[in-house]
Amino acid sequence: MPKAAKQKTSQPKKKTKTIPYDVAAQLRTPEEMAAYLDAWLEEAPDDAAGIARALGDIARAKGMAHVARETGLSRESLYKALSTNGNPSLATILKVARALGIKLHAYAA
């Protein structure tokens, strides 16, 4: 009969602490903001909610109060329009883009 295996003492498992990731914290320059929106437009051109949310991420990075002042819209309406469930009008998107210093352009597909 084999020798009895040594019993392992169980150590309490350490819990990993996680924090939510916020892309807005990573968008620091106008170039990063434009590249982020451009990536959404390139990778998911049919995902209107995702593109609106990307604009919302950029607006939060820039400061939603600043964007609200520049667009003449309320912060609450911007948060709602640029959320996952939002459905902003083209006029709102153009106002937000202008306030963010981002130009939208078209090219032949």
PDB file of N, CA and C in Angstrom:
ATOM      1  N   MET A   1       0.849  -1.163   0.000  1.00  0.00           N
ATOM      2  CA  MET A   1       0.000   0.000   0.000  1.00  0.00           C
ATOM      3  C   MET A   1       0.899   1.232   0.000  1.00  0.00           C
ATOM      4  N   PRO A   2       0.594   2.219  -0.888  1.00  0.00           N
ATOM      5  CA  PRO A   2       1.448   3.397  -0.958  1.00  0.00           C
ATOM      6  C   PRO A   2       1.343   4.234   0.312  1.00  0.00           C
ATOM      7  N   LYS A   3       2.435   4.956   0.523  1.00  0.00           N
ATOM      8  CA  LYS A   3       2.448   5.846   1.686  1.00  0.00           C
ATOM      9  C   LYS A   3       1.352   6.895   1.521  1.00  0.00           C
ATOM     10  N   ALA A   4       0.785   7.266   2.604  1.00  0.00           N
ATOM     11  CA  ALA A   4      -0.289   8.264   2.576  1.00  0.00           C
ATOM     12  C   ALA A   4       0.281   9.605   2.117  1.00  0.00           C
ATOM     13  N   ALA A   5      -0.447  10.256   1.229  1.00  0.00           N
ATOM     14  CA  ALA A   5      -0.015  11.563   0.735  1.00  0.00           C
ATOM     15  C   ALA A   5      -0.164  12.598   1.833  1.00  0.00           C
ATOM     16  N   LYS A   6       0.767  13.525   1.813  1.00  0.00           N
ATOM     17  CA  LYS A   6       0.678  14.599   2.807  1.00  0.00           C
ATOM     18  C   LYS A   6      -0.541  15.452   2.487  1.00  0.00           C
ATOM     19  N   GLN A   7      -1.233  15.798   3.506  1.00  0.00           N
ATOM     20  CA  GLN A   7      -2.404  16.654   3.305  1.00  0.00           C
ATOM     21  C   GLN A   7      -1.931  18.088   3.094  1.00  0.00           C
ATOM     22  N   LYS A   8      -2.513  18.709   2.101  1.00  0.00           N
ATOM     23  CA  LYS A   8      -2.190  20.110   1.840  1.00  0.00           C
ATOM     24  C   LYS A   8      -3.044  20.968   2.750  1.00  0.00           C
ATOM     25  N   THR A   9      -2.392  21.950   3.296  1.00  0.00           N
ATOM     26  CA  THR A   9      -3.178  22.883   4.100  1.00  0.00           C
ATOM     27  C   THR A   9      -3.787  23.885   3.136  1.00  0.00           C
ATOM     28  N   SER A  10      -5.055  24.064   3.253  1.00  0.00           N
ATOM     29  CA  SER A  10      -5.706  24.993   2.340  1.00  0.00           C
ATOM     30  C   SER A  10      -5.542  26.417   2.860  1.00  0.00           C
ATOM     31  N   GLN A  11      -5.070  27.248   1.964  1.00  0.00           N
ATOM     32  CA  GLN A  11      -4.913  28.655   2.290  1.00  0.00           C
ATOM     33  C   GLN A  11      -6.136  29.391   1.775  1.00  0.00           C
ATOM     34  N   PRO A  12      -6.526  30.394   2.504  1.00  0.00           N
ATOM     35  CA  PRO A  12      -7.693  31.145   2.011  1.00  0.00           C
ATOM     36  C   PRO A  12      -7.358  31.789   0.668  1.00  0.00           C
ATOM     37  N   LYS A  13      -8.300  31.704  -0.232  1.00  0.00           N
ATOM     38  CA  LYS A  13      -8.095  32.293  -1.553  1.00  0.00           C
ATOM     39  C   LYS A  13      -8.216  33.803  -1.449  1.00  0.00           C
ATOM     40  N   LYS A  14      -7.290  34.464  -2.123  1.00  0.00           N
ATOM     41  CA  LYS A  14      -7.346  35.921  -2.162  1.00  0.00           C
ATOM     42  C   LYS A  14      -8.359  36.328  -3.217  1.00  0.00           C
ATOM     43  N   LYS A  15      -9.172  37.272  -2.872  1.00  0.00           N
ATOM     44  CA  LYS A  15     -10.159  37.764  -3.828  1.00  0.00           C
ATOM     45  C   LYS A  15      -9.517  38.860  -4.667  1.00  0.00           C
ATOM     46  N   THR A  16      -9.736  38.764  -5.932  1.00  0.00           N
ATOM     47  CA  THR A  16      -9.221  39.761  -6.843  1.00  0.00           C
ATOM     48  C   THR A  16     -10.168  40.952  -6.837  1.00  0.00           C
ATOM     49  N   LYS A  17      -9.593  42.104  -6.617  1.00  0.00           N
ATOM     50  CA  LYS A  17     -10.406  43.312  -6.627  1.00  0.00           C
ATOM     51  C   LYS A  17     -10.392  43.877  -8.048  1.00  0.00           C
ATOM     52  N   THR A  18     -11.556  44.126  -8.572  1.00  0.00           N
ATOM     53  CA  THR A  18     -11.665  44.685  -9.912  1.00  0.00           C
ATOM     54  C   THR A  18     -12.373  46.029  -9.853  1.00  0.00           C
ATOM     55  N   ILE A  19     -12.088  46.826 -10.828  1.00  0.00           N
ATOM     56  CA  ILE A  19     -12.781  48.103 -10.955  1.00  0.00           C
ATOM     57  C   ILE A  19     -13.346  48.188 -12.365  1.00  0.00           C
ATOM     58  N   PRO A  20     -14.452  48.853 -12.539  1.00  0.00           N
ATOM     59  CA  PRO A  20     -15.033  48.964 -13.880  1.00  0.00           C
ATOM     60  C   PRO A  20     -14.105  49.762 -14.802  1.00  0.00           C
ATOM     61  N   TYR A  21     -14.023  49.343 -16.044  1.00  0.00           N
ATOM     62  CA  TYR A  21     -13.210  50.040 -17.034  1.00  0.00           C
ATOM     63  C   TYR A  21     -14.041  51.152 -17.651  1.00  0.00           C
ATOM     64  N   ASP A  22     -13.476  52.327 -17.711  1.00  0.00           N
ATOM     65  CA  ASP A  22     -14.163  53.461 -18.318  1.00  0.00           C
ATOM     66  C   ASP A  22     -13.281  54.009 -19.423  1.00  0.00           C
ATOM     67  N   VAL A  23     -13.683  53.791 -20.658  1.00  0.00           N
ATOM     68  CA  VAL A  23     -12.884  54.223 -21.792  1.00  0.00           C
ATOM     69  C   VAL A  23     -12.698  55.740 -21.790  1.00  0.00           C
ATOM     70  N   ALA A  24     -13.646  56.481 -21.249  1.00  0.00           N
ATOM     71  CA  ALA A  24     -13.549  57.939 -21.231  1.00  0.00           C
ATOM     72  C   ALA A  24     -12.297  58.410 -20.500  1.00  0.00           C
ATOM     73  N   ALA A  25     -11.853  57.640 -19.516  1.00  0.00           N
ATOM     74  CA  ALA A  25     -10.646  58.010 -18.770  1.00  0.00           C
ATOM     75  C   ALA A  25      -9.389  57.872 -19.626  1.00  0.00           C
ATOM     76  N   GLN A  26      -9.468  57.101 -20.696  1.00  0.00           N
ATOM     77  CA  GLN A  26      -8.308  56.880 -21.564  1.00  0.00           C
ATOM     78  C   GLN A  26      -8.238  57.858 -22.732  1.00  0.00           C
ATOM     79  N   LEU A  27      -9.306  58.570 -22.973  1.00  0.00           N
ATOM     80  CA  LEU A  27      -9.360  59.504 -24.103  1.00  0.00           C
ATOM     81  C   LEU A  27      -8.892  60.873 -23.632  1.00  0.00           C
ATOM     82  N   ARG A  28      -7.628  61.173 -23.863  1.00  0.00           N
ATOM     83  CA  ARG A  28      -7.047  62.397 -23.309  1.00  0.00           C
ATOM     84  C   ARG A  28      -6.850  63.514 -24.329  1.00  0.00           C
ATOM     85  N   THR A  29      -6.590  63.163 -25.569  1.00  0.00           N
ATOM     86  CA  THR A  29      -6.293  64.179 -26.578  1.00  0.00           C
ATOM     87  C   THR A  29      -7.360  64.162 -27.670  1.00  0.00           C
ATOM     88  N   PRO A  30      -7.477  65.262 -28.405  1.00  0.00           N
ATOM     89  CA  PRO A  30      -8.427  65.276 -29.528  1.00  0.00           C
ATOM     90  C   PRO A  30      -8.116  64.183 -30.557  1.00  0.00           C
ATOM     91  N   GLU A  31      -6.842  63.873 -30.741  1.00  0.00           N
ATOM     92  CA  GLU A  31      -6.460  62.836 -31.693  1.00  0.00           C
ATOM     93  C   GLU A  31      -6.935  61.455 -31.226  1.00  0.00           C
ATOM     94  N   GLU A  32      -6.811  61.175 -29.927  1.00  0.00           N
ATOM     95  CA  GLU A  32      -7.292  59.904 -29.384  1.00  0.00           C
ATOM     96  C   GLU A  32      -8.815  59.812 -29.505  1.00  0.00           C
ATOM     97  N   MET A  33      -9.486  60.919 -29.244  1.00  0.00           N
ATOM     98  CA  MET A  33     -10.947  60.936 -29.340  1.00  0.00           C
ATOM     99  C   MET A  33     -11.400  60.684 -30.770  1.00  0.00           C
ATOM    100  N   ALA A  34     -10.754  61.348 -31.720  1.00  0.00           N
ATOM    101  CA  ALA A  34     -11.108  61.166 -33.133  1.00  0.00           C
ATOM    102  C   ALA A  34     -10.792  59.742 -33.588  1.00  0.00           C
ATOM    103  N   ALA A  35      -9.666  59.196 -33.161  1.00  0.00           N
ATOM    104  CA  ALA A  35      -9.301  57.826 -33.544  1.00  0.00           C
ATOM    105  C   ALA A  35     -10.302  56.817 -32.977  1.00  0.00           C
ATOM    106  N   TYR A  36     -10.763  57.050 -31.755  1.00  0.00           N
ATOM    107  CA  TYR A  36     -11.739  56.165 -31.127  1.00  0.00           C
ATOM    108  C   TYR A  36     -13.051  56.154 -31.918  1.00  0.00           C
ATOM    109  N   LEU A  37     -13.549  57.335 -32.260  1.00  0.00           N
ATOM    110  CA  LEU A  37     -14.790  57.405 -33.038  1.00  0.00           C
ATOM    111  C   LEU A  37     -14.575  56.824 -34.427  1.00  0.00           C
ATOM    112  N   ASP A  38     -13.448  57.112 -35.031  1.00  0.00           N
ATOM    113  CA  ASP A  38     -13.154  56.582 -36.363  1.00  0.00           C
ATOM    114  C   ASP A  38     -13.114  55.055 -36.346  1.00  0.00           C
ATOM    115  N   ALA A  39     -12.573  54.476 -35.279  1.00  0.00           N
ATOM    116  CA  ALA A  39     -12.537  53.011 -35.160  1.00  0.00           C
ATOM    117  C   ALA A  39     -13.949  52.441 -35.104  1.00  0.00           C
ATOM    118  N   TRP A  40     -14.826  53.094 -34.341  1.00  0.00           N
ATOM    119  CA  TRP A  40     -16.228  52.637 -34.285  1.00  0.00           C
ATOM    120  C   TRP A  40     -16.873  52.727 -35.664  1.00  0.00           C
ATOM    121  N   LEU A  41     -16.650  53.841 -36.351  1.00  0.00           N
ATOM    122  CA  LEU A  41     -17.261  54.025 -37.669  1.00  0.00           C
ATOM    123  C   LEU A  41     -16.727  53.003 -38.671  1.00  0.00           C
ATOM    124  N   GLU A  42     -15.460  52.652 -38.544  1.00  0.00           N
ATOM    125  CA  GLU A  42     -14.846  51.695 -39.460  1.00  0.00           C
ATOM    126  C   GLU A  42     -15.238  50.255 -39.131  1.00  0.00           C
ATOM    127  N   GLU A  43     -15.193  49.902 -37.862  1.00  0.00           N
ATOM    128  CA  GLU A  43     -15.406  48.513 -37.455  1.00  0.00           C
ATOM    129  C   GLU A  43     -16.884  48.126 -37.335  1.00  0.00           C
ATOM    130  N   ALA A  44     -17.727  49.079 -36.979  1.00  0.00           N
ATOM    131  CA  ALA A  44     -19.153  48.773 -36.781  1.00  0.00           C
ATOM    132  C   ALA A  44     -20.015  49.873 -37.385  1.00  0.00           C
ATOM    133  N   PRO A  45     -19.932  50.064 -38.696  1.00  0.00           N
ATOM    134  CA  PRO A  45     -20.644  51.181 -39.321  1.00  0.00           C
ATOM    135  C   PRO A  45     -22.156  51.100 -39.219  1.00  0.00           C
ATOM    136  N   ASP A  46     -22.697  49.915 -38.986  1.00  0.00           N
ATOM    137  CA  ASP A  46     -24.149  49.757 -38.885  1.00  0.00           C
ATOM    138  C   ASP A  46     -24.654  49.775 -37.452  1.00  0.00           C
ATOM    139  N   ASP A  47     -23.761  49.916 -36.492  1.00  0.00           N
ATOM    140  CA  ASP A  47     -24.129  49.897 -35.074  1.00  0.00           C
ATOM    141  C   ASP A  47     -24.360  51.334 -34.588  1.00  0.00           C
ATOM    142  N   ALA A  48     -25.542  51.847 -34.886  1.00  0.00           N
ATOM    143  CA  ALA A  48     -25.854  53.239 -34.530  1.00  0.00           C
ATOM    144  C   ALA A  48     -25.772  53.472 -33.028  1.00  0.00           C
ATOM    145  N   ALA A  49     -26.241  52.502 -32.242  1.00  0.00           N
ATOM    146  CA  ALA A  49     -26.186  52.655 -30.782  1.00  0.00           C
ATOM    147  C   ALA A  49     -24.740  52.676 -30.293  1.00  0.00           C
ATOM    148  N   GLY A  50     -23.899  51.843 -30.875  1.00  0.00           N
ATOM    149  CA  GLY A  50     -22.492  51.822 -30.485  1.00  0.00           C
ATOM    150  C   GLY A  50     -21.783  53.113 -30.845  1.00  0.00           C
ATOM    151  N   ILE A  51     -22.095  53.650 -32.004  1.00  0.00           N
ATOM    152  CA  ILE A  51     -21.483  54.912 -32.430  1.00  0.00           C
ATOM    153  C   ILE A  51     -21.964  56.053 -31.541  1.00  0.00           C
ATOM    154  N   ALA A  52     -23.243  56.063 -31.199  1.00  0.00           N
ATOM    155  CA  ALA A  52     -23.770  57.080 -30.284  1.00  0.00           C
ATOM    156  C   ALA A  52     -23.100  56.957 -28.917  1.00  0.00           C
ATOM    157  N   ARG A  53     -22.923  55.717 -28.456  1.00  0.00           N
ATOM    158  CA  ARG A  53     -22.266  55.496 -27.167  1.00  0.00           C
ATOM    159  C   ARG A  53     -20.810  55.954 -27.216  1.00  0.00           C
ATOM    160  N   ALA A  54     -20.141  55.735 -28.359  1.00  0.00           N
ATOM    161  CA  ALA A  54     -18.761  56.198 -28.517  1.00  0.00           C
ATOM    162  C   ALA A  54     -18.703  57.723 -28.419  1.00  0.00           C
ATOM    163  N   LEU A  55     -19.662  58.395 -29.054  1.00  0.00           N
ATOM    164  CA  LEU A  55     -19.734  59.859 -28.913  1.00  0.00           C
ATOM    165  C   LEU A  55     -19.965  60.242 -27.455  1.00  0.00           C
ATOM    166  N   GLY A  56     -20.789  59.472 -26.760  1.00  0.00           N
ATOM    167  CA  GLY A  56     -21.028  59.714 -25.339  1.00  0.00           C
ATOM    168  C   GLY A  56     -19.766  59.519 -24.518  1.00  0.00           C
ATOM    169  N   ASP A  57     -18.974  58.492 -24.843  1.00  0.00           N
ATOM    170  CA  ASP A  57     -17.706  58.279 -24.145  1.00  0.00           C
ATOM    171  C   ASP A  57     -16.783  59.480 -24.333  1.00  0.00           C
ATOM    172  N   ILE A  58     -16.720  59.968 -25.557  1.00  0.00           N
ATOM    173  CA  ILE A  58     -15.866  61.115 -25.857  1.00  0.00           C
ATOM    174  C   ILE A  58     -16.388  62.359 -25.141  1.00  0.00           C
ATOM    175  N   ALA A  59     -17.702  62.534 -25.128  1.00  0.00           N
ATOM    176  CA  ALA A  59     -18.301  63.681 -24.439  1.00  0.00           C
ATOM    177  C   ALA A  59     -17.989  63.642 -22.942  1.00  0.00           C
ATOM    178  N   ARG A  60     -18.052  62.444 -22.342  1.00  0.00           N
ATOM    179  CA  ARG A  60     -17.716  62.326 -20.917  1.00  0.00           C
ATOM    180  C   ARG A  60     -16.241  62.627 -20.685  1.00  0.00           C
ATOM    181  N   ALA A  61     -15.382  62.217 -21.628  1.00  0.00           N
ATOM    182  CA  ALA A  61     -13.951  62.503 -21.496  1.00  0.00           C
ATOM    183  C   ALA A  61     -13.687  64.007 -21.569  1.00  0.00           C
ATOM    184  N   LYS A  62     -14.408  64.667 -22.423  1.00  0.00           N
ATOM    185  CA  LYS A  62     -14.244  66.120 -22.598  1.00  0.00           C
ATOM    186  C   LYS A  62     -14.918  66.895 -21.469  1.00  0.00           C
ATOM    187  N   GLY A  63     -15.961  66.304 -20.907  1.00  0.00           N
ATOM    188  CA  GLY A  63     -16.736  66.964 -19.858  1.00  0.00           C
ATOM    189  C   GLY A  63     -18.139  67.218 -20.366  1.00  0.00           C
ATOM    190  N   MET A  64     -19.089  66.467 -19.850  1.00  0.00           N
ATOM    191  CA  MET A  64     -20.459  66.560 -20.348  1.00  0.00           C
ATOM    192  C   MET A  64     -21.036  67.959 -20.139  1.00  0.00           C
ATOM    193  N   ALA A  65     -20.666  68.624 -19.056  1.00  0.00           N
ATOM    194  CA  ALA A  65     -21.171  69.983 -18.823  1.00  0.00           C
ATOM    195  C   ALA A  65     -20.666  70.925 -19.916  1.00  0.00           C
ATOM    196  N   HIS A  66     -19.405  70.776 -20.295  1.00  0.00           N
ATOM    197  CA  HIS A  66     -18.835  71.597 -21.372  1.00  0.00           C
ATOM    198  C   HIS A  66     -19.579  71.332 -22.686  1.00  0.00           C
ATOM    199  N   VAL A  67     -19.796  70.068 -23.002  1.00  0.00           N
ATOM    200  CA  VAL A  67     -20.489  69.712 -24.247  1.00  0.00           C
ATOM    201  C   VAL A  67     -21.920  70.241 -24.220  1.00  0.00           C
ATOM    202  N   ALA A  68     -22.574  70.154 -23.069  1.00  0.00           N
ATOM    203  CA  ALA A  68     -23.937  70.674 -22.945  1.00  0.00           C
ATOM    204  C   ALA A  68     -23.972  72.177 -23.224  1.00  0.00           C
ATOM    205  N   ARG A  69     -23.025  72.912 -22.646  1.00  0.00           N
ATOM    206  CA  ARG A  69     -22.971  74.362 -22.894  1.00  0.00           C
ATOM    207  C   ARG A  69     -22.753  74.658 -24.369  1.00  0.00           C
ATOM    208  N   GLU A  70     -21.832  73.937 -24.996  1.00  0.00           N
ATOM    209  CA  GLU A  70     -21.492  74.180 -26.401  1.00  0.00           C
ATOM    210  C   GLU A  70     -22.633  73.832 -27.353  1.00  0.00           C
ATOM    211  N   THR A  71     -23.409  72.814 -27.012  1.00  0.00           N
ATOM    212  CA  THR A  71     -24.488  72.375 -27.905  1.00  0.00           C
ATOM    213  C   THR A  71     -25.814  73.065 -27.618  1.00  0.00           C
ATOM    214  N   GLY A  72     -25.955  73.628 -26.411  1.00  0.00           N
ATOM    215  CA  GLY A  72     -27.233  74.216 -26.025  1.00  0.00           C
ATOM    216  C   GLY A  72     -28.240  73.175 -25.563  1.00  0.00           C
ATOM    217  N   LEU A  73     -27.774  71.949 -25.349  1.00  0.00           N
ATOM    218  CA  LEU A  73     -28.640  70.867 -24.871  1.00  0.00           C
ATOM    219  C   LEU A  73     -28.356  70.615 -23.400  1.00  0.00           C
ATOM    220  N   SER A  74     -29.296  70.021 -22.699  1.00  0.00           N
ATOM    221  CA  SER A  74     -29.078  69.734 -21.283  1.00  0.00           C
ATOM    222  C   SER A  74     -28.187  68.506 -21.132  1.00  0.00           C
ATOM    223  N   ARG A  75     -27.489  68.437 -20.018  1.00  0.00           N
ATOM    224  CA  ARG A  75     -26.649  67.277 -19.728  1.00  0.00           C
ATOM    225  C   ARG A  75     -27.486  65.999 -19.731  1.00  0.00           C
ATOM    226  N   GLU A  76     -28.670  66.081 -19.122  1.00  0.00           N
ATOM    227  CA  GLU A  76     -29.528  64.909 -19.024  1.00  0.00           C
ATOM    228  C   GLU A  76     -29.921  64.390 -20.406  1.00  0.00           C
ATOM    229  N   SER A  77     -30.285  65.310 -21.296  1.00  0.00           N
ATOM    230  CA  SER A  77     -30.689  64.871 -22.636  1.00  0.00           C
ATOM    231  C   SER A  77     -29.496  64.308 -23.406  1.00  0.00           C
ATOM    232  N   LEU A  78     -28.307  64.847 -23.163  1.00  0.00           N
ATOM    233  CA  LEU A  78     -27.112  64.305 -23.810  1.00  0.00           C
ATOM    234  C   LEU A  78     -26.807  62.901 -23.299  1.00  0.00           C
ATOM    235  N   TYR A  79     -26.851  62.723 -21.977  1.00  0.00           N
ATOM    236  CA  TYR A  79     -26.612  61.396 -21.419  1.00  0.00           C
ATOM    237  C   TYR A  79     -27.594  60.383 -22.006  1.00  0.00           C
ATOM    238  N   LYS A  80     -28.846  60.781 -22.113  1.00  0.00           N
ATOM    239  CA  LYS A  80     -29.874  59.882 -22.638  1.00  0.00           C
ATOM    240  C   LYS A  80     -29.641  59.590 -24.121  1.00  0.00           C
ATOM    241  N   ALA A  81     -29.412  60.636 -24.911  1.00  0.00           N
ATOM    242  CA  ALA A  81     -29.242  60.464 -26.357  1.00  0.00           C
ATOM    243  C   ALA A  81     -27.991  59.656 -26.693  1.00  0.00           C
ATOM    244  N   LEU A  82     -26.933  59.818 -25.891  1.00  0.00           N
ATOM    245  CA  LEU A  82     -25.659  59.170 -26.200  1.00  0.00           C
ATOM    246  C   LEU A  82     -25.429  57.901 -25.387  1.00  0.00           C
ATOM    247  N   SER A  83     -26.500  57.326 -24.889  1.00  0.00           N
ATOM    248  CA  SER A  83     -26.405  56.077 -24.132  1.00  0.00           C
ATOM    249  C   SER A  83     -26.627  54.898 -25.078  1.00  0.00           C
ATOM    250  N   THR A  84     -26.487  53.701 -24.545  1.00  0.00           N
ATOM    251  CA  THR A  84     -26.709  52.487 -25.334  1.00  0.00           C
ATOM    252  C   THR A  84     -28.109  52.447 -25.914  1.00  0.00           C
ATOM    253  N   ASN A  85     -29.087  52.916 -25.165  1.00  0.00           N
ATOM    254  CA  ASN A  85     -30.477  52.891 -25.625  1.00  0.00           C
ATOM    255  C   ASN A  85     -30.903  54.178 -26.302  1.00  0.00           C
ATOM    256  N   GLY A  86     -29.996  55.136 -26.408  1.00  0.00           N
ATOM    257  CA  GLY A  86     -30.332  56.424 -27.008  1.00  0.00           C
ATOM    258  C   GLY A  86     -30.506  56.314 -28.513  1.00  0.00           C
ATOM    259  N   ASN A  87     -31.170  57.291 -29.050  1.00  0.00           N
ATOM    260  CA  ASN A  87     -31.381  57.350 -30.491  1.00  0.00           C
ATOM    261  C   ASN A  87     -31.294  58.819 -30.910  1.00  0.00           C
ATOM    262  N   PRO A  88     -30.062  59.364 -30.910  1.00  0.00           N
ATOM    263  CA  PRO A  88     -29.930  60.795 -31.176  1.00  0.00           C
ATOM    264  C   PRO A  88     -30.250  61.142 -32.631  1.00  0.00           C
ATOM    265  N   SER A  89     -30.765  62.337 -32.802  1.00  0.00           N
ATOM    266  CA  SER A  89     -31.029  62.807 -34.164  1.00  0.00           C
ATOM    267  C   SER A  89     -29.695  63.180 -34.814  1.00  0.00           C
ATOM    268  N   LEU A  90     -29.707  63.296 -36.121  1.00  0.00           N
ATOM    269  CA  LEU A  90     -28.505  63.713 -36.826  1.00  0.00           C
ATOM    270  C   LEU A  90     -28.089  65.109 -36.370  1.00  0.00           C
ATOM    271  N   ALA A  91     -29.052  65.965 -36.106  1.00  0.00           N
ATOM    272  CA  ALA A  91     -28.744  67.312 -35.622  1.00  0.00           C
ATOM    273  C   ALA A  91     -27.977  67.253 -34.303  1.00  0.00           C
ATOM    274  N   THR A  92     -28.400  66.361 -33.400  1.00  0.00           N
ATOM    275  CA  THR A  92     -27.711  66.214 -32.116  1.00  0.00           C
ATOM    276  C   THR A  92     -26.295  65.699 -32.334  1.00  0.00           C
ATOM    277  N   ILE A  93     -26.145  64.710 -33.193  1.00  0.00           N
ATOM    278  CA  ILE A  93     -24.813  64.162 -33.473  1.00  0.00           C
ATOM    279  C   ILE A  93     -23.890  65.237 -34.032  1.00  0.00           C
ATOM    280  N   LEU A  94     -24.398  66.040 -34.950  1.00  0.00           N
ATOM    281  CA  LEU A  94     -23.577  67.101 -35.534  1.00  0.00           C
ATOM    282  C   LEU A  94     -23.204  68.161 -34.501  1.00  0.00           C
ATOM    283  N   LYS A  95     -24.141  68.523 -33.621  1.00  0.00           N
ATOM    284  CA  LYS A  95     -23.845  69.490 -32.565  1.00  0.00           C
ATOM    285  C   LYS A  95     -22.782  68.952 -31.611  1.00  0.00           C
ATOM    286  N   VAL A  96     -22.928  67.684 -31.236  1.00  0.00           N
ATOM    287  CA  VAL A  96     -21.976  67.066 -30.310  1.00  0.00           C
ATOM    288  C   VAL A  96     -20.599  66.981 -30.958  1.00  0.00           C
ATOM    289  N   ALA A  97     -20.550  66.534 -32.204  1.00  0.00           N
ATOM    290  CA  ALA A  97     -19.264  66.429 -32.901  1.00  0.00           C
ATOM    291  C   ALA A  97     -18.581  67.796 -32.962  1.00  0.00           C
ATOM    292  N   ARG A  98     -19.339  68.831 -33.282  1.00  0.00           N
ATOM    293  CA  ARG A  98     -18.776  70.182 -33.347  1.00  0.00           C
ATOM    294  C   ARG A  98     -18.257  70.609 -31.979  1.00  0.00           C
ATOM    295  N   ALA A  99     -19.029  70.340 -30.931  1.00  0.00           N
ATOM    296  CA  ALA A  99     -18.621  70.710 -29.571  1.00  0.00           C
ATOM    297  C   ALA A  99     -17.370  69.955 -29.137  1.00  0.00           C
ATOM    298  N   LEU A 100     -17.195  68.746 -29.655  1.00  0.00           N
ATOM    299  CA  LEU A 100     -16.035  67.939 -29.303  1.00  0.00           C
ATOM    300  C   LEU A 100     -14.815  68.254 -30.156  1.00  0.00           C
ATOM    301  N   GLY A 101     -15.014  69.087 -31.169  1.00  0.00           N
ATOM    302  CA  GLY A 101     -13.897  69.412 -32.057  1.00  0.00           C
ATOM    303  C   GLY A 101     -13.592  68.285 -33.032  1.00  0.00           C
ATOM    304  N   ILE A 102     -14.613  67.499 -33.350  1.00  0.00           N
ATOM    305  CA  ILE A 102     -14.454  66.363 -34.263  1.00  0.00           C
ATOM    306  C   ILE A 102     -15.231  66.655 -35.529  1.00  0.00           C
ATOM    307  N   LYS A 103     -14.604  66.434 -36.672  1.00  0.00           N
ATOM    308  CA  LYS A 103     -15.278  66.606 -37.953  1.00  0.00           C
ATOM    309  C   LYS A 103     -15.614  65.238 -38.521  1.00  0.00           C
ATOM    310  N   LEU A 104     -16.833  65.092 -38.963  1.00  0.00           N
ATOM    311  CA  LEU A 104     -17.260  63.879 -39.652  1.00  0.00           C
ATOM    312  C   LEU A 104     -17.058  64.113 -41.150  1.00  0.00           C
ATOM    313  N   HIS A 105     -16.587  63.101 -41.850  1.00  0.00           N
ATOM    314  CA  HIS A 105     -16.407  63.259 -43.285  1.00  0.00           C
ATOM    315  C   HIS A 105     -16.838  61.984 -43.998  1.00  0.00           C
ATOM    316  N   ALA A 106     -17.143  62.138 -45.274  1.00  0.00           N
ATOM    317  CA  ALA A 106     -17.586  61.001 -46.077  1.00  0.00           C
ATOM    318  C   ALA A 106     -16.544  60.714 -47.144  1.00  0.00           C
ATOM    319  N   TYR A 107     -16.458  59.440 -47.514  1.00  0.00           N
ATOM    320  CA  TYR A 107     -15.606  59.049 -48.628  1.00  0.00           C
ATOM    321  C   TYR A 107     -16.269  57.875 -49.342  1.00  0.00           C
ATOM    322  N   ALA A 108     -15.886  57.672 -50.571  1.00  0.00           N
ATOM    323  CA  ALA A 108     -16.494  56.599 -51.353  1.00  0.00           C
ATOM    324  C   ALA A 108     -16.110  55.247 -50.774  1.00  0.00           C
ATOM    325  N   ALA A 109     -17.086  54.376 -50.669  1.00  0.00           N
ATOM    326  CA  ALA A 109     -16.844  53.041 -50.103  1.00  0.00           C
ATOM    327  C   ALA A 109     -16.267  52.107 -51.132  1.00  0.00           C
TER     328      ALA A 109
END
